[in-house]
Protein backbone atom coordinates (compact mmCIF):
# COMPACT_ATOMS: atom_id res chain seq x y z
CA UNK A 1 70.47 -89.98 -138.52
CA UNK A 2 72.57 -92.85 -138.39
CA UNK A 3 72.89 -95.13 -135.82
CA UNK A 4 76.81 -93.93 -136.04
CA UNK A 5 76.17 -90.90 -135.18
CA UNK A 6 73.58 -91.58 -132.38
CA UNK A 7 76.03 -93.61 -130.91
CA UNK A 8 78.63 -90.53 -130.87
CA UNK A 9 76.48 -87.76 -129.66
CA UNK A 10 75.01 -89.87 -126.85
CA UNK A 11 77.90 -89.25 -124.64
CA UNK A 12 78.34 -85.38 -125.58
CA UNK A 13 74.71 -85.21 -124.54
CA UNK A 14 75.28 -87.39 -121.26
CA UNK A 15 78.04 -85.17 -120.80
CA UNK A 16 76.10 -81.93 -120.71
CA UNK A 17 73.52 -83.02 -118.73
CA UNK A 18 75.98 -84.09 -115.68
CA UNK A 19 77.40 -79.90 -116.17
CA UNK A 20 73.97 -78.75 -116.20
CA UNK A 21 73.47 -80.77 -112.89
CA UNK A 22 76.34 -79.72 -111.59
CA UNK A 23 75.62 -75.84 -112.13
CA UNK A 24 72.65 -76.46 -110.30
CA UNK A 25 74.37 -77.53 -107.52
CA UNK A 26 76.93 -74.91 -107.38
CA UNK A 27 74.18 -72.27 -107.94
CA UNK A 28 72.85 -73.13 -104.69
CA UNK A 29 75.87 -73.44 -103.16
CA UNK A 30 76.33 -69.51 -104.08
CA UNK A 31 72.89 -68.67 -103.49
CA UNK A 32 73.45 -70.23 -99.27
CA UNK A 33 76.69 -68.22 -99.15
CA UNK A 34 74.81 -64.77 -100.57
CA UNK A 35 72.09 -65.19 -98.16
CA UNK A 36 74.60 -65.70 -95.15
CA UNK A 37 76.15 -62.45 -96.64
CA UNK A 38 73.22 -60.76 -96.39
CA UNK A 39 72.65 -62.22 -92.88
CA UNK A 40 75.97 -61.03 -91.28
CA UNK A 41 74.96 -57.41 -93.56
CA UNK A 42 71.66 -57.29 -91.57
CA UNK A 43 73.41 -58.13 -88.08
CA UNK A 44 75.81 -55.22 -89.00
CA UNK A 45 73.17 -52.84 -89.55
CA UNK A 46 71.05 -53.67 -86.25
CA UNK A 47 74.51 -53.50 -84.43
CA UNK A 48 75.35 -49.95 -85.85
CA UNK A 49 71.70 -48.51 -84.68
CA UNK A 50 71.38 -49.76 -81.13
CA UNK A 51 71.10 -47.69 -79.45
CA UNK A 52 69.79 -44.81 -82.18
CA UNK A 53 71.26 -41.30 -81.55
CA UNK A 54 69.84 -39.84 -84.00
CA UNK A 55 70.43 -35.20 -83.65
CA UNK A 56 73.79 -36.12 -82.72
CA UNK A 57 75.74 -35.10 -85.58
CA UNK A 58 78.82 -37.48 -84.32
CA UNK A 59 76.48 -40.16 -84.58
CA UNK A 60 74.91 -39.59 -87.72
CA UNK A 61 78.44 -39.04 -89.49
CA UNK A 62 80.07 -41.91 -87.96
CA UNK A 63 76.80 -44.51 -88.60
CA UNK A 64 77.04 -42.88 -92.28
CA UNK A 65 80.77 -43.43 -92.78
CA UNK A 66 80.16 -47.97 -91.20
CA UNK A 67 77.08 -48.03 -93.68
CA UNK A 68 78.97 -47.33 -96.63
CA UNK A 69 82.06 -48.99 -95.43
CA UNK A 70 79.93 -52.16 -94.88
CA UNK A 71 78.32 -51.66 -98.22
CA UNK A 72 80.31 -54.61 -100.28
CA UNK A 73 79.09 -57.66 -98.22
CA UNK A 74 75.65 -57.08 -99.10
CA UNK A 75 76.07 -56.29 -102.48
CA UNK A 76 78.33 -59.58 -102.87
CA UNK A 77 75.33 -61.51 -101.15
CA UNK A 78 73.14 -59.92 -103.91
CA UNK A 79 75.32 -60.58 -106.73
CA UNK A 80 75.10 -64.47 -105.32
CA UNK A 81 71.58 -64.73 -105.00
CA UNK A 82 70.29 -63.10 -108.03
CA UNK A 83 72.89 -65.50 -109.85
CA UNK A 84 71.60 -67.94 -112.22
CA UNK A 85 67.84 -65.73 -112.35
CA UNK A 86 65.22 -68.27 -111.85
CA UNK A 87 66.90 -71.66 -112.66
CA UNK A 88 66.56 -74.02 -109.93
CA UNK A 89 64.49 -72.32 -107.51
CA UNK A 90 61.60 -72.97 -105.65
CA UNK A 91 58.22 -71.14 -105.41
CA UNK A 92 59.19 -69.43 -102.23
CA UNK A 93 62.48 -68.34 -103.68
CA UNK A 94 60.83 -66.73 -106.52
CA UNK A 95 58.72 -64.09 -104.03
CA UNK A 96 62.42 -63.38 -101.79
CA UNK A 97 64.12 -62.92 -104.76
CA UNK A 98 61.61 -60.38 -105.99
CA UNK A 99 61.45 -58.79 -102.94
CA UNK A 100 64.90 -58.54 -102.26
CA UNK A 101 64.86 -56.54 -106.13
CA UNK A 102 62.91 -54.60 -105.01
CA UNK A 103 64.40 -53.64 -101.80
CA UNK A 104 67.83 -52.81 -104.38
CA UNK A 105 65.61 -50.03 -105.25
CA UNK A 106 64.93 -48.82 -101.96
CA UNK A 107 68.14 -49.27 -101.12
CA UNK A 108 69.99 -46.77 -103.74
CA UNK A 109 67.37 -44.59 -102.98
CA UNK A 110 68.59 -44.53 -99.04
CA UNK A 111 72.09 -44.06 -99.94
CA UNK A 112 71.33 -41.18 -102.47
CA UNK A 113 69.43 -39.96 -99.82
CA UNK A 114 72.32 -39.99 -97.03
CA UNK A 115 74.53 -37.99 -99.68
CA UNK A 116 73.05 -34.11 -98.63
CA UNK A 117 72.87 -35.59 -94.78
CA UNK A 118 76.42 -36.29 -94.85
CA UNK A 119 77.56 -32.76 -96.14
CA UNK A 120 75.24 -31.46 -93.60
CA UNK A 121 76.99 -32.99 -90.86
CA UNK A 122 80.52 -32.50 -92.36
CA UNK A 123 79.53 -28.71 -92.10
CA UNK A 124 78.33 -28.99 -88.48
CA UNK A 125 81.19 -31.08 -87.20
CA UNK A 126 83.50 -28.38 -88.79
CA UNK A 127 81.60 -25.89 -87.49
CA UNK A 128 81.17 -27.33 -83.97
CA UNK A 129 85.46 -28.79 -83.81
CA UNK A 130 86.21 -24.84 -84.58
CA UNK A 131 84.58 -23.63 -82.01
CA UNK A 132 85.52 -26.10 -79.62
CA UNK A 133 89.06 -25.47 -80.35
CA UNK A 134 88.98 -21.97 -80.04
CA UNK A 135 87.01 -22.05 -77.07
CA UNK A 136 90.15 -23.71 -75.38
CA UNK A 137 92.69 -21.94 -76.86
CA UNK A 138 90.14 -18.56 -75.68
CA UNK A 139 90.40 -20.14 -72.30
CA UNK A 140 94.18 -20.56 -72.11
CA UNK A 141 95.18 -17.15 -73.53
CA UNK A 142 92.75 -15.77 -71.00
CA UNK A 143 94.65 -17.36 -67.88
CA UNK A 144 98.13 -16.31 -69.66
CA UNK A 145 96.64 -12.79 -69.94
CA UNK A 146 95.72 -12.51 -66.41
CA UNK A 147 99.06 -13.80 -65.23
CA UNK A 148 100.27 -10.79 -67.56
CA UNK A 149 98.08 -8.31 -65.74
CA UNK A 150 99.16 -10.15 -62.31
CA UNK A 151 102.78 -9.60 -63.29
CA UNK A 152 102.48 -5.70 -64.53
CA UNK A 153 100.78 -4.70 -61.22
CA UNK A 154 103.46 -6.96 -59.01
CA UNK A 155 105.96 -5.56 -56.68
CA UNK A 156 109.42 -7.23 -56.40
CA UNK A 157 108.00 -9.02 -53.15
CA UNK A 158 105.58 -10.07 -54.84
CA UNK A 159 107.61 -11.10 -58.18
CA UNK A 160 109.82 -12.97 -55.53
CA UNK A 161 106.46 -15.20 -54.26
CA UNK A 162 105.07 -15.38 -57.11
CA UNK A 163 108.89 -17.47 -58.74
CA UNK A 164 108.75 -19.22 -55.21
CA UNK A 165 105.44 -20.82 -56.01
CA UNK A 166 106.43 -21.97 -59.37
CA UNK A 167 109.86 -23.34 -57.73
CA UNK A 168 111.81 -20.89 -58.63
CA UNK A 169 113.90 -18.00 -57.74
CA UNK A 170 115.22 -14.33 -58.48
CA UNK A 171 119.41 -15.77 -58.39
CA UNK A 172 119.91 -11.91 -57.45
CA UNK A 173 118.42 -11.21 -60.57
CA UNK A 174 116.68 -7.67 -60.92
CA UNK A 175 113.12 -8.27 -60.08
CA UNK A 176 112.05 -5.88 -63.12
CA UNK A 177 114.83 -7.98 -65.29
CA UNK A 178 113.12 -11.00 -63.97
CA UNK A 179 109.86 -9.80 -64.56
CA UNK A 180 110.41 -8.78 -68.04
CA UNK A 181 111.68 -12.07 -68.83
CA UNK A 182 108.48 -13.55 -67.89
CA UNK A 183 106.45 -11.39 -69.73
CA UNK A 184 108.20 -12.18 -72.59
CA UNK A 185 107.83 -16.30 -71.82
CA UNK A 186 103.99 -15.54 -71.47
CA UNK A 187 104.23 -13.86 -74.79
CA UNK A 188 105.11 -16.51 -76.56
CA UNK A 189 102.87 -19.26 -74.74
CA UNK A 190 100.17 -16.79 -76.03
CA UNK A 191 101.45 -17.22 -79.59
CA UNK A 192 102.19 -20.81 -79.34
CA UNK A 193 98.76 -21.24 -78.17
CA UNK A 194 97.39 -19.45 -81.10
CA UNK A 195 99.47 -21.11 -83.39
CA UNK A 196 98.82 -24.76 -82.11
CA UNK A 197 95.44 -24.11 -82.08
CA UNK A 198 95.38 -23.34 -85.93
CA UNK A 199 97.05 -26.84 -86.81
CA UNK A 200 94.70 -28.78 -84.78
CA UNK A 201 91.54 -27.04 -86.02
CA UNK A 202 93.28 -27.28 -90.03
CA UNK A 203 94.33 -31.18 -89.27
CA UNK A 204 90.90 -31.19 -87.75
CA UNK A 205 89.44 -30.02 -90.96
CA UNK A 206 91.30 -32.03 -93.13
CA UNK A 207 90.78 -35.40 -92.08
CA UNK A 208 87.03 -34.71 -92.15
CA UNK A 209 87.35 -33.39 -95.18
CA UNK A 210 88.50 -36.48 -96.68
CA UNK A 211 86.88 -38.69 -94.58
CA UNK A 212 83.29 -37.00 -96.01
CA UNK A 213 84.87 -36.98 -99.79
CA UNK A 214 85.32 -40.90 -98.76
CA UNK A 215 82.25 -41.61 -97.65
CA UNK A 216 80.04 -39.84 -100.01
CA UNK A 217 81.07 -40.87 -103.27
CA UNK A 218 81.07 -44.21 -101.20
CA UNK A 219 77.25 -43.58 -100.92
CA UNK A 220 76.92 -42.16 -104.67
CA UNK A 221 78.94 -45.51 -106.01
CA UNK A 222 76.60 -47.65 -103.62
CA UNK A 223 73.32 -46.13 -104.74
CA UNK A 224 74.47 -46.54 -108.08
CA UNK A 225 75.40 -50.39 -108.03
CA UNK A 226 71.98 -51.11 -106.25
CA UNK A 227 70.11 -49.15 -108.71
CA UNK A 228 71.74 -51.33 -111.61
CA UNK A 229 71.16 -54.82 -109.66
CA UNK A 230 67.75 -53.89 -109.61
CA UNK A 231 67.58 -52.53 -113.44
CA UNK A 232 68.99 -55.89 -114.14
CA UNK A 233 66.67 -57.80 -112.13
CA UNK A 234 63.92 -57.25 -114.11
CA UNK A 235 63.45 -60.95 -114.16
CA UNK A 236 62.34 -61.16 -110.64
CA UNK A 237 59.67 -58.97 -110.78
CA UNK A 238 57.91 -59.99 -113.73
CA UNK A 239 54.75 -62.04 -112.99
CA UNK A 240 54.31 -65.59 -113.50
């Protein structure tokens, strides 16, 4: 190589060295940001599980959803931490990335195992909600039926007293006519109670199903992403 060519290559090599040093600085910044995001995710998880309320389907389902909703933060954090593989890492950090690599496999398994739990809690909550709505509507219908029985057996004077207790009066009308009118109103109220109960049950079931589908698919995707990270970070688990 002539001196002229050497003189031309020297600035290029120097520029490449400066670029490499700047990349190391950038990698350090990204990794620090990754550790920060991972710590924030840990704080969120601790807050979710304090106090724990296992065997409560509502708490389990809501916590399951919260975990899935917050999973992008640790995923981004891990991606930043693993950036640059082993370049520019100290010995203690090599051990940390090795542990984190294995943890991604654990997270993949955990999110995958959360799916049947989410499906089971969806069924339990759907049945529980339907039972609560049915019980409430049955109580209201029973009260309406008691009013019907009382009216059917009521005398004209009792009808007048009943109207007065409701802030109303016969107004010169026939008590039997008023009784028929009230019975018709009670019958309509019973129908409305049943219709409203069905509508409420349908709305709650739809909302529950939408959340269940979103969170279960999110758990499946999260499991796949964690598993992919584990596969792609084999370099961190290789003994050196």
